[in-house]
C-alpha atoms as a PDB file:
ATOM      1  CA  ILE A   1     108.168  98.640  96.427  1.00  0.00           C
ATOM      2  CA  VAL A   2     105.243  97.750  94.496  1.00  0.00           C
ATOM      3  CA  SER A   3     104.508  94.577  92.847  1.00  0.00           C
ATOM      4  CA  GLY A   4     101.816  93.367  90.299  1.00  0.00           C
ATOM      5  CA  ALA A   5      99.242  91.107  92.006  1.00  0.00           C
ATOM      6  CA  ALA A   6      99.993  87.287  91.991  1.00  0.00           C
ATOM      7  CA  PRO A   7      98.294  85.197  89.560  1.00  0.00           C
ATOM      8  CA  GLY A   8      94.420  84.246  90.613  1.00  0.00           C
ATOM      9  CA  ALA A   9      94.383  86.802  93.229  1.00  0.00           C
ATOM     10  CA  PRO A  10      91.343  89.062  93.499  1.00  0.00           C
ATOM     11  CA  SER A  11      91.451  92.380  91.655  1.00  0.00           C
ATOM     12  CA  VAL A  12      91.372  95.623  93.476  1.00  0.00           C
ATOM     13  CA  ARG A  13      90.571  99.174  92.474  1.00  0.00           C
ATOM     14  CA  GLY A  14      93.656 101.019  91.643  1.00  0.00           C
ATOM     15  CA  VAL A  15      94.599 103.226  94.168  1.00  0.00           C
ATOM     16  CA  ALA A  16      97.437 104.987  95.503  1.00  0.00           C
ATOM     17  CA  TYR A  17     100.649 103.331  97.472  1.00  0.00           C
ATOM     18  CA  CYS A  18     101.385 105.499 100.544  1.00  0.00           C
ATOM     19  CA  ILE A  19     105.223 105.077 101.925  1.00  0.00           C
ATOM     20  CA  LEU A  20     105.450 106.098 105.150  1.00  0.00           C
ATOM     21  CA  ILE A  21     109.125 107.053 106.330  1.00  0.00           C
ATOM     22  CA  ARG A  22     110.300 108.032 109.755  1.00  0.00           C
ATOM     23  CA  HIS A  23     112.596 110.634 109.922  1.00  0.00           C
ATOM     24  CA  GLY A  24     116.347 109.715 110.407  1.00  0.00           C
ATOM     25  CA  ARG A  25     118.025 109.686 113.816  1.00  0.00           C
ATOM     26  CA  SER A  26     118.073 113.329 115.272  1.00  0.00           C
ATOM     27  CA  THR A  27     120.083 115.186 118.051  1.00  0.00           C
ATOM     28  CA  ALA A  28     117.338 114.785 120.544  1.00  0.00           C
ATOM     29  CA  ASN A  29     116.949 111.005 119.628  1.00  0.00           C
ATOM     30  CA  SER A  30     120.994 110.701 120.310  1.00  0.00           C
ATOM     31  CA  GLN A  31     120.634 112.500 123.457  1.00  0.00           C
ATOM     32  CA  GLY A  32     117.645 110.734 124.621  1.00  0.00           C
ATOM     33  CA  ILE A  33     115.399 113.830 124.732  1.00  0.00           C
ATOM     34  CA  LEU A  34     111.656 113.790 123.922  1.00  0.00           C
ATOM     35  CA  ALA A  35     111.878 116.512 120.953  1.00  0.00           C
ATOM     36  CA  GLY A  36     108.028 117.082 120.298  1.00  0.00           C
ATOM     37  CA  TRP A  37     107.591 120.246 118.479  1.00  0.00           C
ATOM     38  CA  THR A  38     110.868 121.986 119.955  1.00  0.00           C
ATOM     39  CA  PRO A  39     112.427 124.017 116.812  1.00  0.00           C
ATOM     40  CA  GLY A  40     115.590 123.613 115.485  1.00  0.00           C
ATOM     41  CA  VAL A  41     116.020 119.835 116.362  1.00  0.00           C
ATOM     42  CA  ALA A  42     118.091 118.780 113.284  1.00  0.00           C
ATOM     43  CA  LEU A  43     119.087 115.451 112.036  1.00  0.00           C
ATOM     44  CA  ASP A  44     122.763 114.358 113.598  1.00  0.00           C
ATOM     45  CA  GLU A  45     125.438 112.744 111.538  1.00  0.00           C
ATOM     46  CA  THR A  46     124.059 109.279 111.338  1.00  0.00           C
ATOM     47  CA  GLY A  47     120.603 110.918 110.582  1.00  0.00           C
ATOM     48  CA  ARG A  48     121.882 112.670 107.825  1.00  0.00           C
ATOM     49  CA  GLY A  49     123.528 109.523 106.506  1.00  0.00           C
ATOM     50  CA  GLN A  50     120.127 107.577 107.059  1.00  0.00           C
ATOM     51  CA  ALA A  51     118.341 110.374 104.800  1.00  0.00           C
ATOM     52  CA  SER A  52     120.796 110.185 101.876  1.00  0.00           C
ATOM     53  CA  GLY A  53     120.666 106.534 101.889  1.00  0.00           C
ATOM     54  CA  LEU A  54     116.847 106.513 101.558  1.00  0.00           C
ATOM     55  CA  VAL A  55     117.563 107.419  97.884  1.00  0.00           C
ATOM     56  CA  ASP A  56     119.463 104.056  97.108  1.00  0.00           C
ATOM     57  CA  ARG A  57     117.034 102.299  99.478  1.00  0.00           C
ATOM     58  CA  LEU A  58     113.880 103.131  97.431  1.00  0.00           C
ATOM     59  CA  GLY A  59     115.895 102.715  94.206  1.00  0.00           C
ATOM     60  CA  GLU A  60     113.652 103.382  91.301  1.00  0.00           C
ATOM     61  CA  THR A  61     110.444 104.056  93.287  1.00  0.00           C
ATOM     62  CA  PRO A  62     108.596 106.443  91.121  1.00  0.00           C
ATOM     63  CA  PHE A  63     107.162 108.627  93.497  1.00  0.00           C
ATOM     64  CA  VAL A  64     104.363 111.357  92.422  1.00  0.00           C
ATOM     65  CA  HIS A  65     104.278 113.289  95.580  1.00  0.00           C
ATOM     66  CA  LEU A  66     106.009 113.601  98.910  1.00  0.00           C
ATOM     67  CA  ALA A  67     104.600 115.115 101.998  1.00  0.00           C
ATOM     68  CA  THR A  68     106.157 116.049 104.973  1.00  0.00           C
ATOM     69  CA  SER A  69     105.970 117.061 108.417  1.00  0.00           C
ATOM     70  CA  PRO A  70     106.606 120.720 109.307  1.00  0.00           C
ATOM     71  CA  LEU A  71     109.308 119.923 111.770  1.00  0.00           C
ATOM     72  CA  GLN A  72     112.865 120.352 110.503  1.00  0.00           C
ATOM     73  CA  ARG A  73     114.300 116.649 111.111  1.00  0.00           C
ATOM     74  CA  CYS A  74     111.446 115.603 108.731  1.00  0.00           C
ATOM     75  CA  ARG A  75     112.482 118.189 106.075  1.00  0.00           C
ATOM     76  CA  GLU A  76     116.055 117.376 106.461  1.00  0.00           C
ATOM     77  CA  THR A  77     115.266 113.750 105.721  1.00  0.00           C
ATOM     78  CA  ALA A  78     112.881 114.524 102.764  1.00  0.00           C
ATOM     79  CA  ALA A  79     115.249 116.473 100.922  1.00  0.00           C
ATOM     80  CA  PRO A  80     117.413 113.576  99.387  1.00  0.00           C
ATOM     81  CA  LEU A  81     114.364 112.163  98.009  1.00  0.00           C
ATOM     82  CA  LEU A  82     113.126 115.482  96.870  1.00  0.00           C
ATOM     83  CA  ALA A  83     116.129 116.257  95.092  1.00  0.00           C
ATOM     84  CA  ALA A  84     116.389 113.062  93.475  1.00  0.00           C
ATOM     85  CA  HIS A  85     112.954 112.768  92.178  1.00  0.00           C
ATOM     86  CA  GLY A  86     112.478 116.378  90.972  1.00  0.00           C
ATOM     87  CA  LEU A  87     109.627 116.999  93.349  1.00  0.00           C
ATOM     88  CA  GLU A  88     108.637 120.181  95.930  1.00  0.00           C
ATOM     89  CA  ALA A  89     107.006 118.649  99.365  1.00  0.00           C
ATOM     90  CA  GLN A  90     103.590 119.434 100.683  1.00  0.00           C
ATOM     91  CA  VAL A  91     104.243 120.551 104.305  1.00  0.00           C
ATOM     92  CA  HIS A  92     100.995 118.945 106.224  1.00  0.00           C
ATOM     93  CA  GLU A  93     100.379 119.948 109.799  1.00  0.00           C
ATOM     94  CA  GLY A  94      98.410 116.838 110.405  1.00  0.00           C
ATOM     95  CA  LEU A  95     102.034 114.348 109.880  1.00  0.00           C
ATOM     96  CA  GLY A  96     103.513 116.894 113.112  1.00  0.00           C
ATOM     97  CA  GLU A  97     104.630 115.003 116.150  1.00  0.00           C
ATOM     98  CA  CYS A  98     102.292 114.419 118.840  1.00  0.00           C
ATOM     99  CA  ARG A  99     102.084 117.534 120.985  1.00  0.00           C
ATOM    100  CA  TYR A 100     103.928 116.389 124.293  1.00  0.00           C
ATOM    101  CA  GLY A 101     103.097 119.514 125.832  1.00  0.00           C
ATOM    102  CA  ALA A 102     105.001 119.927 129.441  1.00  0.00           C
ATOM    103  CA  TRP A 103     106.988 116.790 128.586  1.00  0.00           C
ATOM    104  CA  THR A 104     108.720 118.747 125.425  1.00  0.00           C
ATOM    105  CA  GLY A 105     112.358 118.919 126.108  1.00  0.00           C
ATOM    106  CA  GLN A 106     112.792 116.916 128.805  1.00  0.00           C
ATOM    107  CA  ALA A 107     115.021 113.576 129.294  1.00  0.00           C
ATOM    108  CA  ILE A 108     113.144 110.512 128.567  1.00  0.00           C
ATOM    109  CA  SER A 109     114.856 108.692 131.555  1.00  0.00           C
ATOM    110  CA  GLU A 110     113.038 111.223 134.022  1.00  0.00           C
ATOM    111  CA  LEU A 111     109.757 111.367 132.081  1.00  0.00           C
ATOM    112  CA  ALA A 112     109.729 107.185 132.737  1.00  0.00           C
ATOM    113  CA  LYS A 113     109.532 107.972 136.308  1.00  0.00           C
ATOM    114  CA  ASP A 114     106.252 110.274 135.793  1.00  0.00           C
ATOM    115  CA  PRO A 115     102.856 108.115 136.635  1.00  0.00           C
ATOM    116  CA  LEU A 116     101.673 109.150 133.340  1.00  0.00           C
ATOM    117  CA  TRP A 117     104.527 107.248 131.437  1.00  0.00           C
ATOM    118  CA  ARG A 118     102.608 103.616 132.319  1.00  0.00           C
ATOM    119  CA  VAL A 119      99.341 105.303 130.843  1.00  0.00           C
ATOM    120  CA  VAL A 120     101.232 105.886 127.692  1.00  0.00           C
ATOM    121  CA  GLN A 121     102.713 102.690 127.617  1.00  0.00           C
ATOM    122  CA  ASP A 122      99.688 100.506 128.994  1.00  0.00           C
ATOM    123  CA  GLN A 123      96.483 102.358 127.917  1.00  0.00           C
ATOM    124  CA  PRO A 124      97.590 105.298 125.392  1.00  0.00           C
ATOM    125  CA  SER A 125      94.060 106.142 124.450  1.00  0.00           C
ATOM    126  CA  LEU A 126      93.497 107.507 127.883  1.00  0.00           C
ATOM    127  CA  ALA A 127      96.787 109.511 127.570  1.00  0.00           C
ATOM    128  CA  THR A 128      96.652 113.087 127.369  1.00  0.00           C
ATOM    129  CA  PHE A 129      99.832 115.219 127.474  1.00  0.00           C
ATOM    130  CA  PRO A 130      99.564 118.144 129.978  1.00  0.00           C
ATOM    131  CA  ASP A 131     100.093 121.611 128.167  1.00  0.00           C
ATOM    132  CA  GLY A 132     103.497 123.390 128.741  1.00  0.00           C
ATOM    133  CA  ARG A 133     104.329 127.353 129.056  1.00  0.00           C
ATOM    134  CA  GLU A 134     105.588 126.879 125.552  1.00  0.00           C
ATOM    135  CA  HIS A 135     103.697 123.870 124.294  1.00  0.00           C
ATOM    136  CA  PRO A 136     100.198 122.529 124.418  1.00  0.00           C
ATOM    137  CA  GLY A 137      99.664 119.260 125.126  1.00  0.00           C
ATOM    138  CA  GLU A 138      97.385 116.668 122.819  1.00  0.00           C
ATOM    139  CA  SER A 139      96.017 113.290 123.598  1.00  0.00           C
ATOM    140  CA  ILE A 140      97.413 110.379 121.793  1.00  0.00           C
ATOM    141  CA  ARG A 141      93.786 109.647 120.732  1.00  0.00           C
ATOM    142  CA  SER A 142      93.844 113.045 119.073  1.00  0.00           C
ATOM    143  CA  MET A 143      97.207 112.709 117.426  1.00  0.00           C
ATOM    144  CA  ALA A 144      96.094 109.402 115.897  1.00  0.00           C
ATOM    145  CA  ASP A 145      92.782 110.402 114.840  1.00  0.00           C
ATOM    146  CA  ARG A 146      94.274 113.661 112.807  1.00  0.00           C
ATOM    147  CA  ALA A 147      97.436 111.677 111.411  1.00  0.00           C
ATOM    148  CA  VAL A 148      95.247 109.157 110.142  1.00  0.00           C
ATOM    149  CA  ALA A 149      93.041 111.501 108.371  1.00  0.00           C
ATOM    150  CA  ALA A 150      95.880 113.400 107.042  1.00  0.00           C
ATOM    151  CA  VAL A 151      97.306 110.435 105.341  1.00  0.00           C
ATOM    152  CA  ARG A 152      94.064 109.293 104.027  1.00  0.00           C
ATOM    153  CA  GLU A 153      93.345 112.619 103.015  1.00  0.00           C
ATOM    154  CA  ILE A 154      96.145 112.594 101.044  1.00  0.00           C
ATOM    155  CA  ASP A 155      96.135 109.578  99.453  1.00  0.00           C
ATOM    156  CA  ALA A 156      92.843 110.097  98.160  1.00  0.00           C
ATOM    157  CA  ALA A 157      94.189 113.524  96.598  1.00  0.00           C
ATOM    158  CA  VAL A 158      97.063 111.632  95.133  1.00  0.00           C
ATOM    159  CA  THR A 159      95.002 108.887  93.598  1.00  0.00           C
ATOM    160  CA  ALA A 160      92.560 111.569  92.021  1.00  0.00           C
ATOM    161  CA  GLU A 161      95.197 113.400  90.412  1.00  0.00           C
ATOM    162  CA  HIS A 162      97.972 110.646  89.307  1.00  0.00           C
ATOM    163  CA  GLY A 163      95.593 107.867  88.867  1.00  0.00           C
ATOM    164  CA  GLU A 164      95.759 103.995  89.860  1.00  0.00           C
ATOM    165  CA  HIS A 165      99.034 102.658  91.297  1.00  0.00           C
ATOM    166  CA  ALA A 166     100.470 106.380  91.906  1.00  0.00           C
ATOM    167  CA  VAL A 167     103.361 106.065  94.839  1.00  0.00           C
ATOM    168  CA  TRP A 168     103.950 108.707  97.313  1.00  0.00           C
ATOM    169  CA  ALA A 169     105.709 109.084 100.486  1.00  0.00           C
ATOM    170  CA  ALA A 170     104.821 110.658 103.868  1.00  0.00           C
ATOM    171  CA  VAL A 171     107.839 111.987 106.152  1.00  0.00           C
ATOM    172  CA  SER A 172     107.014 111.861 109.593  1.00  0.00           C
ATOM    173  CA  HIS A 173     107.456 110.788 113.209  1.00  0.00           C
ATOM    174  CA  GLY A 174     107.367 107.630 115.105  1.00  0.00           C
ATOM    175  CA  ASP A 175     104.501 107.519 116.993  1.00  0.00           C
ATOM    176  CA  VAL A 176     102.448 109.261 114.136  1.00  0.00           C
ATOM    177  CA  ILE A 177     103.452 106.455 111.858  1.00  0.00           C
ATOM    178  CA  LYS A 178     102.612 104.029 114.355  1.00  0.00           C
ATOM    179  CA  SER A 179      99.193 105.431 114.852  1.00  0.00           C
ATOM    180  CA  VAL A 180      98.730 105.286 111.022  1.00  0.00           C
ATOM    181  CA  LEU A 181      99.847 101.595 110.972  1.00  0.00           C
ATOM    182  CA  ALA A 182      97.239 100.466 113.926  1.00  0.00           C
ATOM    183  CA  ASP A 183      94.595 102.108 111.807  1.00  0.00           C
ATOM    184  CA  ALA A 184      95.578  99.808 108.576  1.00  0.00           C
ATOM    185  CA  THR A 185      96.123  96.589 110.698  1.00  0.00           C
ATOM    186  CA  ALA A 186      92.919  97.332 112.793  1.00  0.00           C
ATOM    187  CA  THR A 187      95.059  97.012 115.707  1.00  0.00           C
ATOM    188  CA  ALA A 188      93.459  99.049 118.678  1.00  0.00           C
ATOM    189  CA  LEU A 189      95.271 102.087 119.627  1.00  0.00           C
ATOM    190  CA  ASP A 190      95.847 100.791 123.000  1.00  0.00           C
ATOM    191  CA  ASP A 191      97.851  98.256 121.440  1.00  0.00           C
ATOM    192  CA  PHE A 192     100.000 100.344 118.979  1.00  0.00           C
ATOM    193  CA  GLN A 193     102.911 100.332 121.275  1.00  0.00           C
ATOM    194  CA  ARG A 194     103.584  96.771 120.038  1.00  0.00           C
ATOM    195  CA  LEU A 195     104.380  98.215 116.828  1.00  0.00           C
ATOM    196  CA  HIS A 196     107.789  99.452 116.246  1.00  0.00           C
ATOM    197  CA  VAL A 197     109.244 102.020 113.632  1.00  0.00           C
ATOM    198  CA  ASP A 198     112.664 102.964 113.856  1.00  0.00           C
ATOM    199  CA  PRO A 199     114.973 105.725 112.555  1.00  0.00           C
ATOM    200  CA  ALA A 200     114.750 106.030 108.844  1.00  0.00           C
ATOM    201  CA  SER A 201     112.400 103.043 108.249  1.00  0.00           C
ATOM    202  CA  VAL A 202     110.060 102.321 105.538  1.00  0.00           C
ATOM    203  CA  SER A 203     106.468 101.362 105.821  1.00  0.00           C
ATOM    204  CA  VAL A 204     103.857 100.639 103.294  1.00  0.00           C
ATOM    205  CA  VAL A 205     100.253 101.075 102.960  1.00  0.00           C
ATOM    206  CA  HIS A 206      97.821 100.239 100.351  1.00  0.00           C
ATOM    207  CA  TYR A 207      94.428 101.611 100.742  1.00  0.00           C
ATOM    208  CA  THR A 208      92.400  99.476  98.543  1.00  0.00           C
ATOM    209  CA  ALA A 209      88.797  99.969  97.812  1.00  0.00           C
ATOM    210  CA  THR A 210      87.983  97.427 100.623  1.00  0.00           C
ATOM    211  CA  ARG A 211      90.169  97.636 103.221  1.00  0.00           C
ATOM    212  CA  PRO A 212      93.977  99.307 104.016  1.00  0.00           C
ATOM    213  CA  MET A 213      96.737  96.809 103.548  1.00  0.00           C
ATOM    214  CA  LEU A 214      99.996  96.652 105.305  1.00  0.00           C
ATOM    215  CA  LEU A 215     102.852  95.610 102.613  1.00  0.00           C
ATOM    216  CA  ARG A 216     105.814  96.388 104.379  1.00  0.00           C
ATOM    217  CA  SER A 217     106.588  97.754 108.128  1.00  0.00           C
ATOM    218  CA  ASN A 218     109.758  99.069 109.733  1.00  0.00           C
ATOM    219  CA  ASP A 219     111.976  97.978 106.849  1.00  0.00           C
ATOM    220  CA  THR A 220     115.584  99.745 107.543  1.00  0.00           C
ATOM    221  CA  GLY A 221     117.318  98.024 104.619  1.00  0.00           C
ATOM    222  CA  ARG A 222     119.005  95.640 107.215  1.00  0.00           C
ATOM    223  CA  SER A 223     118.626  92.122 107.572  1.00  0.00           C
ATOM    224  CA  ALA A 224     120.687  91.728 110.751  1.00  0.00           C
ATOM    225  CA  LEU A 225     118.851  91.963 114.094  1.00  0.00           C
ATOM    226  CA  THR A 226     120.422  92.482 117.357  1.00  0.00           C
ATOM    227  CA  PRO A 227     119.212  90.690 120.468  1.00  0.00           C
ATOM    228  CA  PRO A 228     117.667  92.538 123.202  1.00  0.00           C
ATOM    229  CA  ARG A 229     119.945  93.290 126.254  1.00  0.00           C
ATOM    230  CA  PRO A 230     119.732  91.568 129.609  1.00  0.00           C
ATOM    231  CA  LYS A 231     116.970  93.120 131.872  1.00  0.00           C
ATOM    232  CA  GLY A 232     118.694  96.380 133.627  1.00  0.00           C
ATOM    233  CA  ASP A 233     120.699  97.487 131.136  1.00  0.00           C
ATOM    234  CA  THR A 234     120.784 100.735 130.214  1.00  0.00           C
ATOM    235  CA  PRO A 235     119.447 101.536 126.451  1.00  0.00           C
ATOM    236  CA  PRO A 236     121.202 103.616 123.995  1.00  0.00           C
ATOM    237  CA  ALA A 237     120.000 107.325 123.993  1.00  0.00           C
ATOM    238  CA  GLY A 238     116.937 107.846 122.125  1.00  0.00           C
ATOM    239  CA  ASP A 239     115.376 104.386 122.538  1.00  0.00           C
ATOM    240  CA  ALA A 240     111.926 104.628 124.434  1.00  0.00           C
ATOM    241  CA  PRO A 241     108.397 103.399 123.578  1.00  0.00           C
ATOM    242  CA  VAL A 242     107.101 106.908 123.241  1.00  0.00           C
ATOM    243  CA  GLY A 243     108.332 110.016 121.110  1.00  0.00           C
ATOM    244  CA  GLY A 244     109.685 107.767 118.372  1.00  0.00           C
ATOM    245  CA  GLY A 245     108.885 104.123 118.695  1.00  0.00           C
ATOM    246  CA  ALA A 246     112.300 102.962 118.495  1.00  0.00           C
ATOM    247  CA  GLY A 247     111.306 100.553 121.432  1.00  0.00           C
ATOM    248  CA  LEU A 248     113.723  99.454 124.517  1.00  0.00           C
ATOM    249  CA  GLY A 249     116.226  97.071 123.629  1.00  0.00           C
ATOM    250  CA  SER A 250     116.794  97.956 120.116  1.00  0.00           C
ATOM    251  CA  THR A 251     119.655  99.542 118.060  1.00  0.00           C
ATOM    252  CA  PRO A 252     118.947 103.457 117.410  1.00  0.00           C
END
């Protein structure tokens, strides 16, 4: 994951490397449900295999810290890495899923008929999810702001404690990670739907003294690509450009 600077490259002050990991495929993903903060949403069989596979995929990466969303699917994804590296998780609310309010627990196929869906896709900076009986809503802007603040806060703390070039991981959710990547690449929030974050994918951000640098994005450990389906085809359950960033026309 981390390599030295190329000969002749400008030097930068040493700071931590942040590895962003989306949780593995969940039961809600495979059922096409927007889970949000619904309790008890676990990884499905595929997701459990993806979580275990992260240990081999990340190989000898010298993690010194691992932070995770409070939600079960993220904690289950983090568990194999924690065990492999002898770490305890820092549970951070700021890494939690967007609060989808009244949309929580609904089928994505039905939500796509809601007028708010187009706002979420086309102008997400203006989208606020309505409060539900059990779950409060949140704006995408608020979610993005607290996600970026959480990652930068943890990154600074890891750098202060472990020194330059320390490596840490954050296990979180698709829309949260897309927000952090958008910030790192100076991408407007209204364009963050252009970013793609698959289940169990790995992205790497390095916050240098001058600017964030995106070193890797949506690395799934696969080199094969699946072409988009013909227009009108039904995407697999769980694929949707909200609540995970899997994206229409991609494999889950």
